[in-house]
Every structure is written in C-alpha cells, then in structure tokens.
C-alpha cells in the first residue's frame, strides 16, 4: 500500500510530537528530583537552564545596545 504525502507528514508530526513530549517529561522529572551542587549552592537543572538563558540574553542585549559599531 502506498502512503500519500499527507499521511507521511501526519506520521512524521506525530513521531516528532511524541519524541518532544518524552524529552520534556524526562527533563522535568530528572531535573526536579536531582540537585546539582555549584558555587551558589545546590540547584536543580531547570534553574541552571534559566540562569544560562538569562546570561545569554543579557549578553545579546548588551551587544545590541553597545555604542561601538
């Protein structure tokens, strides 16, 4: 049986959604249980990701607002 293009796209979207959902669940469950030691005390993985994102965002904003061309 030959699958149509719409069926292939639907299957790919379903597989993509399932993999993303599994990754999100694994990340949330794994990060809420385990605390990672660091220089500022113990933090979970989600807090570390938010701090890394904030540092990247701040550096990007600094470059956009710098006076040098």
C-alpha atoms as a PDB file:
ATOM      1  CA  UNK A   1       0.000   0.000   0.000  1.00  0.00           C
ATOM      2  CA  UNK A   2       1.398   3.380  -0.990  1.00  0.00           C
ATOM      3  CA  UNK A   3       1.155   6.091   1.651  1.00  0.00           C
ATOM      4  CA  UNK A   4       0.169   9.516   0.475  1.00  0.00           C
ATOM      5  CA  UNK A   5       2.231  12.575   1.234  1.00  0.00           C
ATOM      6  CA  UNK A   6      -0.330  13.845   3.764  1.00  0.00           C
ATOM      7  CA  UNK A   7      -0.198  10.536   5.640  1.00  0.00           C
ATOM      8  CA  UNK A   8       3.596  10.659   5.746  1.00  0.00           C
ATOM      9  CA  UNK A   9       3.523  14.220   7.068  1.00  0.00           C
ATOM     10  CA  UNK A  10       0.968  13.248   9.683  1.00  0.00           C
ATOM     11  CA  UNK A  11       3.060  10.322  10.844  1.00  0.00           C
ATOM     12  CA  UNK A  12       6.201  12.459  10.980  1.00  0.00           C
ATOM     13  CA  UNK A  13       4.386  15.122  13.007  1.00  0.00           C
ATOM     14  CA  UNK A  14       3.047  12.501  15.416  1.00  0.00           C
ATOM     15  CA  UNK A  15       6.506  10.979  15.889  1.00  0.00           C
ATOM     16  CA  UNK A  16       8.065  14.419  16.382  1.00  0.00           C
ATOM     17  CA  UNK A  17       5.429  15.370  18.957  1.00  0.00           C
ATOM     18  CA  UNK A  18       5.890  12.099  20.827  1.00  0.00           C
ATOM     19  CA  UNK A  19       9.688  12.469  20.974  1.00  0.00           C
ATOM     20  CA  UNK A  20       9.406  16.092  22.146  1.00  0.00           C
ATOM     21  CA  UNK A  21       6.876  15.132  24.809  1.00  0.00           C
ATOM     22  CA  UNK A  22       9.114  12.340  26.080  1.00  0.00           C
ATOM     23  CA  UNK A  23      12.125  14.660  26.211  1.00  0.00           C
ATOM     24  CA  UNK A  24      10.185  17.322  28.122  1.00  0.00           C
ATOM     25  CA  UNK A  25       8.836  14.796  30.626  1.00  0.00           C
ATOM     26  CA  UNK A  26      12.291  13.290  31.134  1.00  0.00           C
ATOM     27  CA  UNK A  27      13.826  16.740  31.594  1.00  0.00           C
ATOM     28  CA  UNK A  28      11.200  17.876  34.095  1.00  0.00           C
ATOM     29  CA  UNK A  29      11.232  14.655  36.108  1.00  0.00           C
ATOM     30  CA  UNK A  30      15.003  14.382  36.045  1.00  0.00           C
ATOM     31  CA  UNK A  31      15.574  17.985  36.994  1.00  0.00           C
ATOM     32  CA  UNK A  32      13.090  18.224  39.845  1.00  0.00           C
ATOM     33  CA  UNK A  33      14.449  15.186  41.638  1.00  0.00           C
ATOM     34  CA  UNK A  34      18.181  15.771  41.355  1.00  0.00           C
ATOM     35  CA  UNK A  35      20.020  18.750  42.807  1.00  0.00           C
ATOM     36  CA  UNK A  36      23.311  19.736  41.217  1.00  0.00           C
ATOM     37  CA  UNK A  37      25.972  21.252  43.501  1.00  0.00           C
ATOM     38  CA  UNK A  38      27.534  24.503  42.399  1.00  0.00           C
ATOM     39  CA  UNK A  39      29.281  27.619  43.654  1.00  0.00           C
ATOM     40  CA  UNK A  40      25.958  29.184  44.725  1.00  0.00           C
ATOM     41  CA  UNK A  41      24.593  26.112  46.476  1.00  0.00           C
ATOM     42  CA  UNK A  42      22.500  23.274  45.155  1.00  0.00           C
ATOM     43  CA  UNK A  43      20.163  23.963  42.242  1.00  0.00           C
ATOM     44  CA  UNK A  44      18.082  21.793  40.003  1.00  0.00           C
ATOM     45  CA  UNK A  45      18.603  21.556  36.261  1.00  0.00           C
ATOM     46  CA  UNK A  46      15.723  23.877  35.316  1.00  0.00           C
ATOM     47  CA  UNK A  47      17.185  26.693  37.432  1.00  0.00           C
ATOM     48  CA  UNK A  48      20.572  26.211  35.769  1.00  0.00           C
ATOM     49  CA  UNK A  49      18.983  26.356  32.306  1.00  0.00           C
ATOM     50  CA  UNK A  50      17.130  29.566  33.204  1.00  0.00           C
ATOM     51  CA  UNK A  51      20.337  31.151  34.522  1.00  0.00           C
ATOM     52  CA  UNK A  52      22.217  30.182  31.347  1.00  0.00           C
ATOM     53  CA  UNK A  53      19.433  31.596  29.173  1.00  0.00           C
ATOM     54  CA  UNK A  54      19.397  34.828  31.190  1.00  0.00           C
ATOM     55  CA  UNK A  55      23.183  35.212  30.821  1.00  0.00           C
ATOM     56  CA  UNK A  56      22.943  34.661  27.056  1.00  0.00           C
ATOM     57  CA  UNK A  57      20.026  37.087  26.736  1.00  0.00           C
ATOM     58  CA  UNK A  58      21.843  39.747  28.786  1.00  0.00           C
ATOM     59  CA  UNK A  59      24.976  39.458  26.642  1.00  0.00           C
ATOM     60  CA  UNK A  60      22.865  39.697  23.469  1.00  0.00           C
ATOM     61  CA  UNK A  61      21.144  42.829  24.786  1.00  0.00           C
ATOM     62  CA  UNK A  62      24.499  44.320  25.733  1.00  0.00           C
ATOM     63  CA  UNK A  63      25.799  43.821  22.181  1.00  0.00           C
ATOM     64  CA  UNK A  64      22.663  45.360  20.670  1.00  0.00           C
ATOM     65  CA  UNK A  65      22.899  48.416  22.908  1.00  0.00           C
ATOM     66  CA  UNK A  66      26.653  48.950  22.669  1.00  0.00           C
ATOM     67  CA  UNK A  67      27.845  52.275  21.251  1.00  0.00           C
ATOM     68  CA  UNK A  68      30.536  50.735  19.089  1.00  0.00           C
ATOM     69  CA  UNK A  69      29.575  49.729  15.531  1.00  0.00           C
END
